[in-house]
Amino acid sequence: MTQSIRAFDKCRHIVDGFDLGMAERTGSYVLDEEELTLIETGPAISIPHIIEGLNKLGKSPEDVKHIIVTHIHLDHAGGTGLLLEKCHKAMVYVHEKGARHLIDPSRLIKGAKMVYGDKFDALFHPVLPVSKNNVTIVREGDTLSLGACNLRFYDTPGHASHHIGIYDEKTDTFFSGDTIGVRYPSLERKGLSLILPSTSPNQFDPDKMRQSAEKIKSLTPARIAMGHYGTTDNPDHVFKQLDYWLEVFLDTGKMHFENGESDKVLKKSLLKEIKNYAEKYTELTPEDIQLIGLDLSISSMGIMDYLKRKHR
């Protein structure tokens, strides 16, 4: 795959990691400051693409000083240990609840195998441990100086309890990871600006997700940079979409949960809701449906898991 690098500011780029072997699936952000910084590594299969992207930007992996992961799910941080074999001088920044899983990823691997089954190796192998000497814990309000600009960290649970968001003061950009949703650039180019909540198991919490969204909204950023995928200069639309679809996901989930039905039945219902919504803007192709379906498979599991926890 030909590496795609997009600049959204003269010192800010998104490098496509081709997660799942797909373009515009998961991105890593390059902050080209005095201290070169990456936000998100993606899984191990993304690391060669990140290195290629750095080279195309005239950078070496050894130039990287800081690696920030919004959370330790493998599609965002699974390649961290592998990347550190090339970025020898880099420090990794992570939420305090996620740090131990970077250092010892055994439980993380076990949990992912329960979700992805026999697809795990193709999607995520290898997941290498990160030395504790390379790990820095960040908490709400902590800052990181990159030279001429500062980053500020925020605790943003909802998608995961160990999730951080990063506000970039220089460009008025908030790096949101998965907390406020997933964006589909290919659909946006067709006129459908769709943002769906990412409700994967097993720490999804809708109340915390809404609270995190309100926290981000209060910062009034000019731009949102998402892990999946890319940036938007219309934060208000992101928040409105999140509110709308989170309610749809939960209401539909409750109906199927009370009927004793499975997450697969929920996925079909949610896909129908999205198709009906999309008709106002564009006709979804089989490729579009497959793309959305990837997220709905995991999100439906998370909705049902949340409802089971709440019921108990």
C-alpha atoms as a PDB file:
ATOM      1  CA  MET A   1       0.000   0.000   0.000  1.00  0.00           C
ATOM      2  CA  THR A   2       1.250   3.468  -0.890  1.00  0.00           C
ATOM      3  CA  GLN A   3       1.751   5.549   2.211  1.00  0.00           C
ATOM      4  CA  SER A   4      -0.675   8.417   2.610  1.00  0.00           C
ATOM      5  CA  ILE A   5       0.368  11.438   4.651  1.00  0.00           C
ATOM      6  CA  ARG A   6      -1.962  14.382   5.074  1.00  0.00           C
ATOM      7  CA  ALA A   7      -1.022  17.701   6.614  1.00  0.00           C
ATOM      8  CA  PHE A   8      -3.716  19.565   8.548  1.00  0.00           C
ATOM      9  CA  ASP A   9      -1.270  22.233   9.730  1.00  0.00           C
ATOM     10  CA  LYS A  10       2.239  22.969   8.510  1.00  0.00           C
ATOM     11  CA  CYS A  11       3.662  21.063  11.506  1.00  0.00           C
ATOM     12  CA  ARG A  12       0.896  18.489  11.947  1.00  0.00           C
ATOM     13  CA  HIS A  13       0.423  15.355   9.855  1.00  0.00           C
ATOM     14  CA  ILE A  14      -1.621  12.170   9.951  1.00  0.00           C
ATOM     15  CA  VAL A  15       0.118   9.004   8.789  1.00  0.00           C
ATOM     16  CA  ASP A  16      -2.096   6.135   7.668  1.00  0.00           C
ATOM     17  CA  GLY A  17      -1.287   2.932   9.579  1.00  0.00           C
ATOM     18  CA  PHE A  18      -3.446   0.716   7.311  1.00  0.00           C
ATOM     19  CA  ASP A  19      -4.923  -1.022  10.340  1.00  0.00           C
ATOM     20  CA  LEU A  20      -6.871  -4.144   9.262  1.00  0.00           C
ATOM     21  CA  GLY A  21      -5.168  -3.725   5.882  1.00  0.00           C
ATOM     22  CA  MET A  22      -7.499  -0.805   5.140  1.00  0.00           C
ATOM     23  CA  ALA A  23      -6.813   2.806   4.203  1.00  0.00           C
ATOM     24  CA  GLU A  24      -8.204   5.528   6.477  1.00  0.00           C
ATOM     25  CA  ARG A  25      -8.895   3.092   9.264  1.00  0.00           C
ATOM     26  CA  THR A  26      -6.481   4.100  12.040  1.00  0.00           C
ATOM     27  CA  GLY A  27      -4.060   6.999  11.950  1.00  0.00           C
ATOM     28  CA  SER A  28      -0.961   8.117  13.818  1.00  0.00           C
ATOM     29  CA  TYR A  29      -0.388  11.831  14.260  1.00  0.00           C
ATOM     30  CA  VAL A  30       3.035  13.406  13.789  1.00  0.00           C
ATOM     31  CA  LEU A  31       3.656  16.675  15.637  1.00  0.00           C
ATOM     32  CA  ASP A  32       6.708  18.155  13.949  1.00  0.00           C
ATOM     33  CA  GLU A  33       8.012  20.342  16.749  1.00  0.00           C
ATOM     34  CA  GLU A  34      11.400  20.858  18.364  1.00  0.00           C
ATOM     35  CA  GLU A  35      10.725  17.548  20.124  1.00  0.00           C
ATOM     36  CA  LEU A  36       9.194  15.223  17.531  1.00  0.00           C
ATOM     37  CA  THR A  37       6.040  13.586  18.882  1.00  0.00           C
ATOM     38  CA  LEU A  38       3.686  10.803  17.796  1.00  0.00           C
ATOM     39  CA  ILE A  39       0.124  10.347  18.992  1.00  0.00           C
ATOM     40  CA  GLU A  40      -1.021   6.696  18.618  1.00  0.00           C
ATOM     41  CA  THR A  41       1.082   3.847  17.248  1.00  0.00           C
ATOM     42  CA  GLY A  42      -1.641   1.563  15.988  1.00  0.00           C
ATOM     43  CA  PRO A  43      -1.061  -2.217  16.019  1.00  0.00           C
ATOM     44  CA  ALA A  44       2.214  -3.899  15.091  1.00  0.00           C
ATOM     45  CA  ILE A  45       1.224  -4.146  11.417  1.00  0.00           C
ATOM     46  CA  SER A  46       1.091  -0.324  11.315  1.00  0.00           C
ATOM     47  CA  ILE A  47       4.676   0.228  12.442  1.00  0.00           C
ATOM     48  CA  PRO A  48       6.337  -0.164   8.995  1.00  0.00           C
ATOM     49  CA  HIS A  49       3.836   2.356   7.621  1.00  0.00           C
ATOM     50  CA  ILE A  50       4.595   4.834  10.413  1.00  0.00           C
ATOM     51  CA  ILE A  51       8.325   4.515   9.788  1.00  0.00           C
ATOM     52  CA  GLU A  52       7.775   4.999   6.052  1.00  0.00           C
ATOM     53  CA  GLY A  53       5.684   8.067   6.818  1.00  0.00           C
ATOM     54  CA  LEU A  54       8.373   9.541   9.052  1.00  0.00           C
ATOM     55  CA  ASN A  55      10.952   8.961   6.335  1.00  0.00           C
ATOM     56  CA  LYS A  56       8.770  10.718   3.767  1.00  0.00           C
ATOM     57  CA  LEU A  57       8.567  13.674   6.148  1.00  0.00           C
ATOM     58  CA  GLY A  58      12.363  13.709   6.308  1.00  0.00           C
ATOM     59  CA  LYS A  59      12.431  12.270   9.800  1.00  0.00           C
ATOM     60  CA  SER A  60      14.054   9.222  11.349  1.00  0.00           C
ATOM     61  CA  PRO A  61      12.415   7.045  14.024  1.00  0.00           C
ATOM     62  CA  GLU A  62      15.391   7.916  16.216  1.00  0.00           C
ATOM     63  CA  ASP A  63      14.263  11.565  16.073  1.00  0.00           C
ATOM     64  CA  VAL A  64      11.049  10.731  17.963  1.00  0.00           C
ATOM     65  CA  LYS A  65      11.152  12.020  21.547  1.00  0.00           C
ATOM     66  CA  HIS A  66       7.575  11.393  22.685  1.00  0.00           C
ATOM     67  CA  ILE A  67       4.957   8.728  21.919  1.00  0.00           C
ATOM     68  CA  ILE A  68       1.480   9.312  23.337  1.00  0.00           C
ATOM     69  CA  VAL A  69      -1.248   6.658  23.332  1.00  0.00           C
ATOM     70  CA  THR A  70      -4.799   7.762  24.093  1.00  0.00           C
ATOM     71  CA  HIS A  71      -5.568   4.291  25.454  1.00  0.00           C
ATOM     72  CA  ILE A  72      -4.036   0.841  25.368  1.00  0.00           C
ATOM     73  CA  HIS A  73      -6.479  -1.005  23.091  1.00  0.00           C
ATOM     74  CA  LEU A  74      -4.355  -2.835  20.553  1.00  0.00           C
ATOM     75  CA  ASP A  75      -5.560  -0.892  17.515  1.00  0.00           C
ATOM     76  CA  HIS A  76      -4.160   2.256  19.159  1.00  0.00           C
ATOM     77  CA  ALA A  77      -1.175   1.063  21.173  1.00  0.00           C
ATOM     78  CA  GLY A  78      -0.462  -2.562  20.296  1.00  0.00           C
ATOM     79  CA  GLY A  79       2.590  -1.628  18.233  1.00  0.00           C
ATOM     80  CA  THR A  80       4.222   0.542  20.906  1.00  0.00           C
ATOM     81  CA  GLY A  81       6.792  -2.033  22.012  1.00  0.00           C
ATOM     82  CA  LEU A  82       7.735  -2.812  18.408  1.00  0.00           C
ATOM     83  CA  LEU A  83       8.050   0.870  17.518  1.00  0.00           C
ATOM     84  CA  LEU A  84      10.348   1.476  20.492  1.00  0.00           C
ATOM     85  CA  GLU A  85      12.863  -0.901  18.916  1.00  0.00           C
ATOM     86  CA  LYS A  86      13.348   1.853  16.313  1.00  0.00           C
ATOM     87  CA  CYS A  87      12.564   4.942  18.433  1.00  0.00           C
ATOM     88  CA  HIS A  88      15.299   4.325  20.993  1.00  0.00           C
ATOM     89  CA  LYS A  89      15.090   7.761  22.630  1.00  0.00           C
ATOM     90  CA  ALA A  90      11.317   7.974  22.970  1.00  0.00           C
ATOM     91  CA  MET A  91       9.256   8.151  26.147  1.00  0.00           C
ATOM     92  CA  VAL A  92       5.724   6.725  26.120  1.00  0.00           C
ATOM     93  CA  TYR A  93       2.881   8.658  27.798  1.00  0.00           C
ATOM     94  CA  VAL A  94      -0.199   6.776  28.971  1.00  0.00           C
ATOM     95  CA  HIS A  95      -3.074   6.933  31.470  1.00  0.00           C
ATOM     96  CA  GLU A  96      -2.167   5.581  34.912  1.00  0.00           C
ATOM     97  CA  LYS A  97      -4.726   2.766  34.545  1.00  0.00           C
ATOM     98  CA  GLY A  98      -3.198   1.649  31.273  1.00  0.00           C
ATOM     99  CA  ALA A  99       0.519   1.802  32.070  1.00  0.00           C
ATOM    100  CA  ARG A 100       0.818  -1.677  33.598  1.00  0.00           C
ATOM    101  CA  HIS A 101      -0.763  -3.226  30.495  1.00  0.00           C
ATOM    102  CA  LEU A 102       1.889  -1.677  28.262  1.00  0.00           C
ATOM    103  CA  ILE A 103       4.580  -3.045  30.558  1.00  0.00           C
ATOM    104  CA  ASP A 104       2.947  -6.489  30.742  1.00  0.00           C
ATOM    105  CA  PRO A 105       0.436  -6.902  27.885  1.00  0.00           C
ATOM    106  CA  SER A 106      -0.547 -10.506  28.735  1.00  0.00           C
ATOM    107  CA  ARG A 107      -4.043  -9.631  30.030  1.00  0.00           C
ATOM    108  CA  LEU A 108      -4.561  -7.249  27.143  1.00  0.00           C
ATOM    109  CA  ILE A 109      -3.682 -10.001  24.665  1.00  0.00           C
ATOM    110  CA  LYS A 110      -5.965 -12.488  26.417  1.00  0.00           C
ATOM    111  CA  GLY A 111      -8.892 -10.068  26.339  1.00  0.00           C
ATOM    112  CA  ALA A 112      -8.370  -9.229  22.667  1.00  0.00           C
ATOM    113  CA  LYS A 113      -8.226 -12.918  21.752  1.00  0.00           C
ATOM    114  CA  MET A 114     -11.636 -13.383  23.393  1.00  0.00           C
ATOM    115  CA  VAL A 115     -13.054 -10.690  21.087  1.00  0.00           C
ATOM    116  CA  TYR A 116     -11.144 -11.395  17.855  1.00  0.00           C
ATOM    117  CA  GLY A 117     -10.584 -15.154  18.153  1.00  0.00           C
ATOM    118  CA  ASP A 118      -8.456 -16.739  15.450  1.00  0.00           C
ATOM    119  CA  LYS A 119      -8.092 -13.376  13.687  1.00  0.00           C
ATOM    120  CA  PHE A 120      -5.902 -12.071  16.514  1.00  0.00           C
ATOM    121  CA  ASP A 121      -2.478 -12.930  15.083  1.00  0.00           C
ATOM    122  CA  ALA A 122      -3.195 -11.436  11.673  1.00  0.00           C
ATOM    123  CA  LEU A 123      -4.511  -8.235  13.221  1.00  0.00           C
ATOM    124  CA  PHE A 124      -2.220  -7.611  16.194  1.00  0.00           C
ATOM    125  CA  HIS A 125       0.803  -9.930  16.488  1.00  0.00           C
ATOM    126  CA  PRO A 126       3.331  -9.214  17.914  1.00  0.00           C
ATOM    127  CA  VAL A 127       2.389  -7.256  21.024  1.00  0.00           C
ATOM    128  CA  LEU A 128       5.704  -6.554  22.729  1.00  0.00           C
ATOM    129  CA  PRO A 129       6.125  -5.320  26.316  1.00  0.00           C
ATOM    130  CA  VAL A 130       7.317  -1.786  26.958  1.00  0.00           C
ATOM    131  CA  SER A 131      10.059  -1.268  29.528  1.00  0.00           C
ATOM    132  CA  LYS A 132       8.792   0.612  32.575  1.00  0.00           C
ATOM    133  CA  ASN A 133      11.776   2.922  32.102  1.00  0.00           C
ATOM    134  CA  ASN A 134      10.131   4.162  28.907  1.00  0.00           C
ATOM    135  CA  VAL A 135       6.710   4.784  30.466  1.00  0.00           C
ATOM    136  CA  THR A 136       5.455   8.064  31.916  1.00  0.00           C
ATOM    137  CA  ILE A 137       2.019   8.217  33.547  1.00  0.00           C
ATOM    138  CA  VAL A 138      -0.097  11.279  32.759  1.00  0.00           C
ATOM    139  CA  ARG A 139      -3.079  12.590  34.665  1.00  0.00           C
ATOM    140  CA  GLU A 140      -5.714  15.283  34.268  1.00  0.00           C
ATOM    141  CA  GLY A 141      -4.080  18.687  33.820  1.00  0.00           C
ATOM    142  CA  ASP A 142      -0.539  17.436  33.198  1.00  0.00           C
ATOM    143  CA  THR A 143       1.346  19.194  30.412  1.00  0.00           C
ATOM    144  CA  LEU A 144       4.115  18.224  28.021  1.00  0.00           C
ATOM    145  CA  SER A 145       6.364  20.817  26.397  1.00  0.00           C
ATOM    146  CA  LEU A 146       7.505  20.056  22.860  1.00  0.00           C
ATOM    147  CA  GLY A 147       9.606  23.217  22.671  1.00  0.00           C
ATOM    148  CA  ALA A 148       7.517  25.963  21.124  1.00  0.00           C
ATOM    149  CA  CYS A 149       4.178  24.414  22.072  1.00  0.00           C
ATOM    150  CA  ASN A 150       2.504  22.667  24.981  1.00  0.00           C
ATOM    151  CA  LEU A 151       0.176  19.708  25.118  1.00  0.00           C
ATOM    152  CA  ARG A 152      -2.309  19.353  27.965  1.00  0.00           C
ATOM    153  CA  PHE A 153      -3.735  15.990  29.032  1.00  0.00           C
ATOM    154  CA  TYR A 154      -7.329  15.267  30.034  1.00  0.00           C
ATOM    155  CA  ASP A 155      -8.942  12.216  31.601  1.00  0.00           C
ATOM    156  CA  THR A 156     -11.623  11.196  29.085  1.00  0.00           C
ATOM    157  CA  PRO A 157     -13.265   7.862  30.044  1.00  0.00           C
ATOM    158  CA  GLY A 158     -16.356   6.405  28.405  1.00  0.00           C
ATOM    159  CA  HIS A 159     -14.876   4.299  25.639  1.00  0.00           C
ATOM    160  CA  ALA A 160     -12.302   2.978  28.125  1.00  0.00           C
ATOM    161  CA  SER A 161     -11.586   3.830  31.762  1.00  0.00           C
ATOM    162  CA  HIS A 162      -7.902   4.389  30.920  1.00  0.00           C
ATOM    163  CA  HIS A 163      -8.461   6.948  28.162  1.00  0.00           C
ATOM    164  CA  ILE A 164      -6.724  10.299  27.819  1.00  0.00           C
ATOM    165  CA  GLY A 165      -7.354  13.176  25.440  1.00  0.00           C
ATOM    166  CA  ILE A 166      -4.727  15.693  24.390  1.00  0.00           C
ATOM    167  CA  TYR A 167      -5.261  19.388  23.759  1.00  0.00           C
ATOM    168  CA  ASP A 168      -2.712  20.977  21.440  1.00  0.00           C
ATOM    169  CA  GLU A 169      -2.586  24.655  22.389  1.00  0.00           C
ATOM    170  CA  LYS A 170      -0.615  25.720  19.316  1.00  0.00           C
ATOM    171  CA  THR A 171      -3.146  24.502  16.749  1.00  0.00           C
ATOM    172  CA  ASP A 172      -6.298  24.520  18.938  1.00  0.00           C
ATOM    173  CA  THR A 173      -6.730  20.808  18.201  1.00  0.00           C
ATOM    174  CA  PHE A 174      -8.095  18.138  20.528  1.00  0.00           C
ATOM    175  CA  PHE A 175      -6.837  14.599  19.937  1.00  0.00           C
ATOM    176  CA  SER A 176      -9.817  12.547  21.056  1.00  0.00           C
ATOM    177  CA  GLY A 177      -8.822   8.925  20.442  1.00  0.00           C
ATOM    178  CA  ASP A 178     -12.084   6.950  20.536  1.00  0.00           C
ATOM    179  CA  THR A 179     -13.946   8.823  23.288  1.00  0.00           C
ATOM    180  CA  ILE A 180     -16.236  10.909  21.082  1.00  0.00           C
ATOM    181  CA  GLY A 181     -16.581   8.592  18.144  1.00  0.00           C
ATOM    182  CA  VAL A 182     -15.425   7.234  14.819  1.00  0.00           C
ATOM    183  CA  ARG A 183     -15.352   9.246  11.592  1.00  0.00           C
ATOM    184  CA  TYR A 184     -15.602   7.868   8.037  1.00  0.00           C
ATOM    185  CA  PRO A 185     -13.763  10.092   5.517  1.00  0.00           C
ATOM    186  CA  SER A 186     -14.828   7.964   2.547  1.00  0.00           C
ATOM    187  CA  LEU A 187     -18.488   8.589   3.423  1.00  0.00           C
ATOM    188  CA  GLU A 188     -17.855  12.262   4.097  1.00  0.00           C
ATOM    189  CA  ARG A 189     -16.526  12.664   0.554  1.00  0.00           C
ATOM    190  CA  LYS A 190     -19.912  11.352  -0.633  1.00  0.00           C
ATOM    191  CA  GLY A 191     -21.837  13.862   1.455  1.00  0.00           C
ATOM    192  CA  LEU A 192     -22.516  11.734   4.543  1.00  0.00           C
ATOM    193  CA  SER A 193     -20.772  13.118   7.631  1.00  0.00           C
ATOM    194  CA  LEU A 194     -21.298  10.197   9.978  1.00  0.00           C
ATOM    195  CA  ILE A 195     -19.795   9.992  13.480  1.00  0.00           C
ATOM    196  CA  LEU A 196     -20.630   6.824  15.408  1.00  0.00           C
ATOM    197  CA  PRO A 197     -19.865   6.193  19.088  1.00  0.00           C
ATOM    198  CA  SER A 198     -17.262   3.532  19.787  1.00  0.00           C
ATOM    199  CA  THR A 199     -18.838   1.340  22.461  1.00  0.00           C
ATOM    200  CA  SER A 200     -16.499  -1.649  22.547  1.00  0.00           C
ATOM    201  CA  PRO A 201     -16.341  -4.046  25.512  1.00  0.00           C
ATOM    202  CA  ASN A 202     -15.645  -4.113  28.385  1.00  0.00           C
ATOM    203  CA  GLN A 203     -15.371  -0.635  29.867  1.00  0.00           C
ATOM    204  CA  PHE A 204     -17.943   1.274  27.823  1.00  0.00           C
ATOM    205  CA  ASP A 205     -19.884   3.690  30.025  1.00  0.00           C
ATOM    206  CA  PRO A 206     -22.365   6.054  28.319  1.00  0.00           C
ATOM    207  CA  ASP A 207     -22.593   8.469  31.247  1.00  0.00           C
ATOM    208  CA  LYS A 208     -18.815   8.882  31.381  1.00  0.00           C
ATOM    209  CA  MET A 209     -18.704   9.192  27.591  1.00  0.00           C
ATOM    210  CA  ARG A 210     -21.184  12.070  27.723  1.00  0.00           C
ATOM    211  CA  GLN A 211     -19.245  13.716  30.562  1.00  0.00           C
ATOM    212  CA  SER A 212     -16.013  13.454  28.588  1.00  0.00           C
ATOM    213  CA  ALA A 213     -17.722  14.966  25.558  1.00  0.00           C
ATOM    214  CA  GLU A 214     -18.888  17.905  27.684  1.00  0.00           C
ATOM    215  CA  LYS A 215     -15.351  18.371  28.996  1.00  0.00           C
ATOM    216  CA  ILE A 216     -13.938  18.478  25.474  1.00  0.00           C
ATOM    217  CA  LYS A 217     -16.725  20.788  24.316  1.00  0.00           C
ATOM    218  CA  SER A 218     -15.945  23.231  27.151  1.00  0.00           C
ATOM    219  CA  LEU A 219     -12.442  23.709  25.700  1.00  0.00           C
ATOM    220  CA  THR A 220     -14.039  24.966  22.439  1.00  0.00           C
ATOM    221  CA  PRO A 221     -11.369  23.441  20.194  1.00  0.00           C
ATOM    222  CA  ALA A 222     -11.308  24.528  16.570  1.00  0.00           C
ATOM    223  CA  ARG A 223     -10.488  21.017  15.405  1.00  0.00           C
ATOM    224  CA  ILE A 224     -11.001  17.422  16.538  1.00  0.00           C
ATOM    225  CA  ALA A 225      -8.407  14.802  15.576  1.00  0.00           C
ATOM    226  CA  MET A 226      -9.778  11.266  15.827  1.00  0.00           C
ATOM    227  CA  GLY A 227      -8.014   7.931  15.962  1.00  0.00           C
ATOM    228  CA  HIS A 228     -10.509   6.576  13.402  1.00  0.00           C
ATOM    229  CA  TYR A 229     -10.035   8.588  11.211  1.00  0.00           C
ATOM    230  CA  GLY A 230      -8.599  12.001  10.595  1.00  0.00           C
ATOM    231  CA  THR A 231      -9.580  15.527  11.537  1.00  0.00           C
ATOM    232  CA  THR A 232     -12.694  17.634  11.382  1.00  0.00           C
ATOM    233  CA  ASP A 233     -13.043  21.396  11.681  1.00  0.00           C
ATOM    234  CA  ASN A 234     -16.666  21.046  12.778  1.00  0.00           C
ATOM    235  CA  PRO A 235     -16.588  19.931  16.441  1.00  0.00           C
ATOM    236  CA  ASP A 236     -20.235  20.875  16.987  1.00  0.00           C
ATOM    237  CA  HIS A 237     -21.293  18.280  14.431  1.00  0.00           C
ATOM    238  CA  VAL A 238     -19.210  15.628  16.240  1.00  0.00           C
ATOM    239  CA  PHE A 239     -20.946  16.316  19.549  1.00  0.00           C
ATOM    240  CA  LYS A 240     -24.418  16.346  17.968  1.00  0.00           C
ATOM    241  CA  GLN A 241     -23.745  13.061  16.163  1.00  0.00           C
ATOM    242  CA  LEU A 242     -22.429  11.463  19.337  1.00  0.00           C
ATOM    243  CA  ASP A 243     -25.556  12.489  21.287  1.00  0.00           C
ATOM    244  CA  TYR A 244     -27.857  11.248  18.552  1.00  0.00           C
ATOM    245  CA  TRP A 245     -26.251   7.880  17.864  1.00  0.00           C
ATOM    246  CA  LEU A 246     -25.463   7.087  21.492  1.00  0.00           C
ATOM    247  CA  GLU A 247     -29.161   7.321  22.260  1.00  0.00           C
ATOM    248  CA  VAL A 248     -29.989   5.135  19.239  1.00  0.00           C
ATOM    249  CA  PHE A 249     -27.386   2.547  20.245  1.00  0.00           C
ATOM    250  CA  LEU A 250     -28.635   2.368  23.823  1.00  0.00           C
ATOM    251  CA  ASP A 251     -32.369   2.353  23.056  1.00  0.00           C
ATOM    252  CA  THR A 252     -31.961  -0.319  20.391  1.00  0.00           C
ATOM    253  CA  GLY A 253     -29.665  -2.313  22.646  1.00  0.00           C
ATOM    254  CA  LYS A 254     -32.117  -2.239  25.547  1.00  0.00           C
ATOM    255  CA  MET A 255     -34.890  -3.545  23.308  1.00  0.00           C
ATOM    256  CA  HIS A 256     -32.845  -6.535  22.164  1.00  0.00           C
ATOM    257  CA  PHE A 257     -31.398  -7.142  25.621  1.00  0.00           C
ATOM    258  CA  GLU A 258     -34.848  -7.300  27.189  1.00  0.00           C
ATOM    259  CA  ASN A 259     -35.893  -9.723  24.443  1.00  0.00           C
ATOM    260  CA  GLY A 260     -32.942 -11.974  25.268  1.00  0.00           C
ATOM    261  CA  GLU A 261     -31.396 -11.461  21.828  1.00  0.00           C
ATOM    262  CA  SER A 262     -27.738 -11.446  20.862  1.00  0.00           C
ATOM    263  CA  ASP A 263     -25.257  -8.725  19.894  1.00  0.00           C
ATOM    264  CA  LYS A 264     -25.455 -10.038  16.299  1.00  0.00           C
ATOM    265  CA  VAL A 265     -29.186  -9.215  16.213  1.00  0.00           C
ATOM    266  CA  LEU A 266     -28.395  -5.787  17.647  1.00  0.00           C
ATOM    267  CA  LYS A 267     -25.799  -5.200  14.935  1.00  0.00           C
ATOM    268  CA  LYS A 268     -28.387  -5.882  12.218  1.00  0.00           C
ATOM    269  CA  SER A 269     -30.834  -3.441  13.791  1.00  0.00           C
ATOM    270  CA  LEU A 270     -28.214  -0.714  14.139  1.00  0.00           C
ATOM    271  CA  LEU A 271     -27.088  -1.194  10.561  1.00  0.00           C
ATOM    272  CA  LYS A 272     -30.704  -0.766   9.444  1.00  0.00           C
ATOM    273  CA  GLU A 273     -30.964   2.483  11.438  1.00  0.00           C
ATOM    274  CA  ILE A 274     -27.789   3.791   9.818  1.00  0.00           C
ATOM    275  CA  LYS A 275     -28.925   2.812   6.310  1.00  0.00           C
ATOM    276  CA  ASN A 276     -32.193   4.688   6.845  1.00  0.00           C
ATOM    277  CA  TYR A 277     -30.306   7.735   8.083  1.00  0.00           C
ATOM    278  CA  ALA A 278     -27.807   7.597   5.203  1.00  0.00           C
ATOM    279  CA  GLU A 279     -30.542   7.559   2.523  1.00  0.00           C
ATOM    280  CA  LYS A 280     -30.949  11.314   2.981  1.00  0.00           C
ATOM    281  CA  TYR A 281     -27.361  11.868   1.863  1.00  0.00           C
ATOM    282  CA  THR A 282     -26.047   9.017  -0.271  1.00  0.00           C
ATOM    283  CA  GLU A 283     -26.531   5.399  -1.237  1.00  0.00           C
ATOM    284  CA  LEU A 284     -24.354   3.072   0.810  1.00  0.00           C
ATOM    285  CA  THR A 285     -22.308   0.634  -1.247  1.00  0.00           C
ATOM    286  CA  PRO A 286     -21.494  -2.921  -0.075  1.00  0.00           C
ATOM    287  CA  GLU A 287     -18.009  -1.597   0.756  1.00  0.00           C
ATOM    288  CA  ASP A 288     -19.515   1.169   2.899  1.00  0.00           C
ATOM    289  CA  ILE A 289     -21.698  -1.323   4.735  1.00  0.00           C
ATOM    290  CA  GLN A 290     -18.738  -3.613   5.343  1.00  0.00           C
ATOM    291  CA  LEU A 291     -16.731  -0.702   6.771  1.00  0.00           C
ATOM    292  CA  ILE A 292     -19.504   0.393   9.138  1.00  0.00           C
ATOM    293  CA  GLY A 293     -20.189  -3.215  10.022  1.00  0.00           C
ATOM    294  CA  LEU A 294     -16.645  -3.683  11.334  1.00  0.00           C
ATOM    295  CA  ASP A 295     -17.318  -1.082  14.009  1.00  0.00           C
ATOM    296  CA  LEU A 296     -20.861  -2.218  14.710  1.00  0.00           C
ATOM    297  CA  SER A 297     -19.707  -5.795  15.409  1.00  0.00           C
ATOM    298  CA  ILE A 298     -17.502  -4.605  18.270  1.00  0.00           C
ATOM    299  CA  SER A 299     -19.820  -1.819  19.423  1.00  0.00           C
ATOM    300  CA  SER A 300     -22.787  -4.192  19.629  1.00  0.00           C
ATOM    301  CA  MET A 301     -20.761  -6.493  21.876  1.00  0.00           C
ATOM    302  CA  GLY A 302     -19.945  -3.499  24.065  1.00  0.00           C
ATOM    303  CA  ILE A 303     -23.558  -2.339  24.317  1.00  0.00           C
ATOM    304  CA  MET A 304     -24.706  -5.796  25.393  1.00  0.00           C
ATOM    305  CA  ASP A 305     -21.796  -6.122  27.820  1.00  0.00           C
ATOM    306  CA  TYR A 306     -22.715  -2.750  29.380  1.00  0.00           C
ATOM    307  CA  LEU A 307     -26.384  -3.731  29.730  1.00  0.00           C
ATOM    308  CA  LYS A 308     -25.437  -7.064  31.333  1.00  0.00           C
ATOM    309  CA  ARG A 309     -23.180  -5.273  33.831  1.00  0.00           C
ATOM    310  CA  LYS A 310     -25.914  -2.766  34.593  1.00  0.00           C
ATOM    311  CA  HIS A 311     -28.507  -5.532  35.010  1.00  0.00           C
ATOM    312  CA  ARG A 312     -26.279  -7.387  37.492  1.00  0.00           C
END
